[in-house]
Amino acid sequence: MPRQWQFRPFLQIRSFMNRLRIVLVHPRIAANVGNVARTCLSLGAELHLVGPFGFIVDPKRLDRTSVGYWESLRPEVYADFRDFWARFPRCLKTQFVFAEKDGVHLYSDLSYNTDCVLIFGNEEEGVADEFWKVESLPMISSCRIPMREIRCLNLATSVGIVSYEVNRQWSGRNIECGAV
């Protein structure tokens, strides 16, 4: 008889010593969001989606793209950037890192706090300037993934590279990400 797997929402399994949050701004491709959802589940990270989206937010379709894990993740969805900055929970210790092609720091050179927010733009334009034009914007670092002469990496690949670096650093400090 096959073993039955039971998935619980990350809030029940996440260690209270750390908090990794992945923010996708205006994602265009549902399959990328599904891949990122699986990465978030594997790390015990939260997923935050900032609209508008380039696809119809249909739970059945997203469940298929995430290979059945969508309901286990329960991402936070924001209508637009104003809604995001108004409702996104943060404190003074929250570290914001924006991953972009021309980021100031190499992603592996940053030291990631235990309350870390990784922000990624969409597959075509990145993050629009209007996203950053809000009052009381927190301090945001930027990072880049080194690559040869190509336009960009796949969104889900980029999320995986940077978020697993956060996990590697936390593991090195005996802080487990998404401890069960």
Protein backbone atom coordinates (compact mmCIF):
# COMPACT_ATOMS: atom_id res chain seq x y z
CA MET A 1 0.00 0.00 0.00
CA PRO A 2 1.49 3.40 -0.96
CA ARG A 3 2.45 5.75 1.83
CA GLN A 4 -0.01 8.61 2.30
CA TRP A 5 1.60 12.04 2.43
CA GLN A 6 -0.05 14.72 4.48
CA PHE A 7 0.86 18.33 3.81
CA ARG A 8 0.21 21.02 6.37
CA PRO A 9 0.17 24.79 5.81
CA PHE A 10 3.62 26.32 6.36
CA LEU A 11 2.45 28.29 9.40
CA GLN A 12 2.10 25.04 11.30
CA ILE A 13 5.56 23.77 10.35
CA ARG A 14 7.66 26.93 9.97
CA SER A 15 10.27 27.55 12.61
CA PHE A 16 9.61 30.71 14.60
CA MET A 17 13.33 31.51 14.46
CA ASN A 18 13.10 32.68 10.85
CA ARG A 19 10.76 33.82 8.13
CA LEU A 20 11.42 33.68 4.40
CA ARG A 21 8.93 35.42 2.13
CA ILE A 22 8.98 35.32 -1.65
CA VAL A 23 7.22 38.19 -3.45
CA LEU A 24 6.37 37.92 -7.15
CA VAL A 25 5.38 41.27 -8.67
CA HIS A 26 3.00 41.07 -11.67
CA PRO A 27 3.87 37.49 -12.66
CA ARG A 28 2.88 36.65 -16.24
CA ILE A 29 3.21 32.87 -16.50
CA ALA A 30 1.14 30.52 -14.32
CA ALA A 31 3.64 27.67 -14.68
CA ASN A 32 6.40 29.84 -13.17
CA VAL A 33 4.15 30.68 -10.22
CA GLY A 34 3.45 26.95 -9.78
CA ASN A 35 7.18 26.16 -9.77
CA VAL A 36 7.84 28.94 -7.26
CA ALA A 37 5.00 27.60 -5.10
CA ARG A 38 6.72 24.20 -4.92
CA THR A 39 10.02 25.87 -4.03
CA CYS A 40 8.27 27.82 -1.25
CA LEU A 41 6.76 24.64 0.15
CA SER A 42 10.11 22.85 0.07
CA LEU A 43 11.67 25.67 2.10
CA GLY A 44 8.74 26.50 4.37
CA ALA A 45 8.62 29.96 2.79
CA GLU A 46 5.60 32.18 2.29
CA LEU A 47 4.48 33.21 -1.20
CA HIS A 48 3.09 36.70 -1.85
CA LEU A 49 1.67 37.57 -5.27
CA VAL A 50 1.23 41.18 -6.39
CA GLY A 51 -1.23 41.77 -9.25
CA PRO A 52 -2.23 42.39 -11.87
CA PHE A 53 -1.35 38.98 -13.28
CA GLY A 54 -0.65 37.87 -16.82
CA PHE A 55 -2.93 34.85 -16.37
CA ILE A 56 -6.30 34.05 -14.85
CA VAL A 57 -5.94 33.21 -11.17
CA ASP A 58 -7.82 29.95 -11.30
CA PRO A 59 -7.16 27.65 -8.31
CA LYS A 60 -7.64 24.52 -10.43
CA ARG A 61 -5.08 25.67 -13.01
CA LEU A 62 -2.63 26.82 -10.33
CA ASP A 63 -3.05 23.54 -8.48
CA ARG A 64 -2.08 21.72 -11.68
CA THR A 65 0.96 23.96 -12.30
CA SER A 66 2.12 23.44 -8.71
CA VAL A 67 1.67 19.65 -9.07
CA GLY A 68 -1.17 19.62 -6.55
CA TYR A 69 0.42 21.70 -3.78
CA TRP A 70 -1.44 25.00 -4.27
CA GLU A 71 -3.92 24.48 -1.43
CA SER A 72 -1.10 23.57 0.97
CA LEU A 73 0.66 26.86 0.31
CA ARG A 74 -2.20 29.38 0.55
CA PRO A 75 -0.35 32.39 -0.90
CA GLU A 76 -1.23 35.95 0.01
CA VAL A 77 -2.59 37.80 -3.03
CA TYR A 78 -2.53 41.60 -3.43
CA ALA A 79 -4.52 43.53 -6.03
CA ASP A 80 -1.61 45.86 -6.89
CA PHE A 81 1.52 47.48 -5.48
CA ARG A 82 -0.46 49.94 -3.31
CA ASP A 83 -2.35 47.05 -1.71
CA PHE A 84 0.94 45.20 -1.19
CA TRP A 85 2.75 48.04 0.59
CA ALA A 86 -0.36 48.85 2.66
CA ARG A 87 -0.96 45.29 3.93
CA PHE A 88 2.44 43.57 3.82
CA PRO A 89 3.47 42.70 7.41
CA ARG A 90 6.92 43.91 8.42
CA CYS A 91 8.91 45.10 11.39
CA LEU A 92 12.17 46.99 11.85
CA LYS A 93 14.20 43.77 11.50
CA THR A 94 12.59 42.79 8.18
CA GLN A 95 15.18 42.67 5.40
CA PHE A 96 13.99 43.42 1.85
CA VAL A 97 16.10 42.17 -1.06
CA PHE A 98 15.20 42.91 -4.67
CA ALA A 99 16.64 40.46 -7.19
CA GLU A 100 17.43 42.16 -10.49
CA LYS A 101 19.81 41.81 -13.41
CA ASP A 102 21.83 44.88 -12.38
CA GLY A 103 21.68 44.39 -8.59
CA VAL A 104 24.39 46.00 -6.48
CA HIS A 105 25.41 42.83 -4.63
CA LEU A 106 26.09 39.32 -5.81
CA TYR A 107 23.27 37.21 -4.28
CA SER A 108 25.76 34.97 -2.46
CA ASP A 109 27.64 37.94 -0.93
CA LEU A 110 24.65 39.25 1.03
CA SER A 111 24.04 38.16 4.59
CA TYR A 112 20.36 37.32 4.98
CA ASN A 113 18.43 38.22 8.13
CA THR A 114 16.09 35.74 9.78
CA ASP A 115 13.14 37.84 8.56
CA CYS A 116 13.92 38.00 4.86
CA VAL A 117 11.75 39.17 1.95
CA LEU A 118 12.93 38.37 -1.58
CA ILE A 119 11.25 40.46 -4.30
CA PHE A 120 11.20 39.33 -7.94
CA GLY A 121 9.76 41.10 -10.97
CA ASN A 122 7.86 39.49 -13.81
CA GLU A 123 9.27 37.53 -16.72
CA GLU A 124 9.15 40.42 -19.20
CA GLU A 125 9.67 43.82 -17.58
CA GLY A 126 10.89 43.08 -14.08
CA VAL A 127 9.36 45.49 -11.56
CA ALA A 128 7.77 48.71 -12.80
CA ASP A 129 9.04 51.99 -11.33
CA GLU A 130 5.61 52.67 -9.77
CA PHE A 131 6.14 49.75 -7.38
CA TRP A 132 8.89 51.72 -5.62
CA LYS A 133 7.01 55.05 -5.51
CA VAL A 134 5.30 54.78 -2.14
CA GLU A 135 5.68 56.68 1.10
CA SER A 136 7.66 55.07 3.91
CA LEU A 137 9.35 52.56 1.62
CA PRO A 138 11.62 50.35 3.73
CA MET A 139 15.37 50.05 3.08
CA ILE A 140 15.81 47.63 0.17
CA SER A 141 19.04 45.93 -0.95
CA SER A 142 19.43 44.66 -4.48
CA CYS A 143 21.15 41.51 -5.61
CA ARG A 144 22.04 39.87 -8.90
CA ILE A 145 22.75 36.38 -10.14
CA PRO A 146 25.88 36.27 -12.30
CA MET A 147 25.21 35.13 -15.84
CA ARG A 148 26.74 35.37 -19.26
CA GLU A 149 25.32 37.43 -22.08
CA ILE A 150 21.68 36.42 -21.96
CA ARG A 151 18.69 38.64 -21.28
CA CYS A 152 17.54 36.86 -18.13
CA LEU A 153 17.02 33.58 -16.32
CA ASN A 154 13.63 31.94 -15.89
CA LEU A 155 11.75 33.48 -12.96
CA ALA A 156 11.33 30.18 -11.10
CA THR A 157 15.02 29.38 -11.58
CA SER A 158 16.04 32.77 -10.16
CA VAL A 159 13.76 32.34 -7.14
CA GLY A 160 15.25 28.91 -6.52
CA ILE A 161 18.85 30.11 -6.71
CA VAL A 162 18.44 33.03 -4.30
CA SER A 163 16.05 31.35 -1.85
CA TYR A 164 18.27 28.28 -1.52
CA GLU A 165 21.21 30.59 -0.79
CA VAL A 166 19.16 32.04 2.08
CA ASN A 167 18.50 28.48 3.27
CA ARG A 168 22.20 27.58 2.95
CA GLN A 169 23.20 30.58 5.06
CA TRP A 170 20.56 29.85 7.67
CA SER A 171 21.63 26.20 7.82
CA GLY A 172 25.22 27.33 8.36
CA ARG A 173 24.05 29.29 11.38
CA ASN A 174 22.06 26.31 12.67
CA ILE A 175 18.80 27.99 11.67
CA GLU A 176 16.60 25.62 9.74
CA CYS A 177 14.28 26.97 7.13
CA GLY A 178 10.84 25.41 7.36
CA ALA A 179 11.77 22.94 10.08
CA VAL A 180 9.25 20.13 10.42
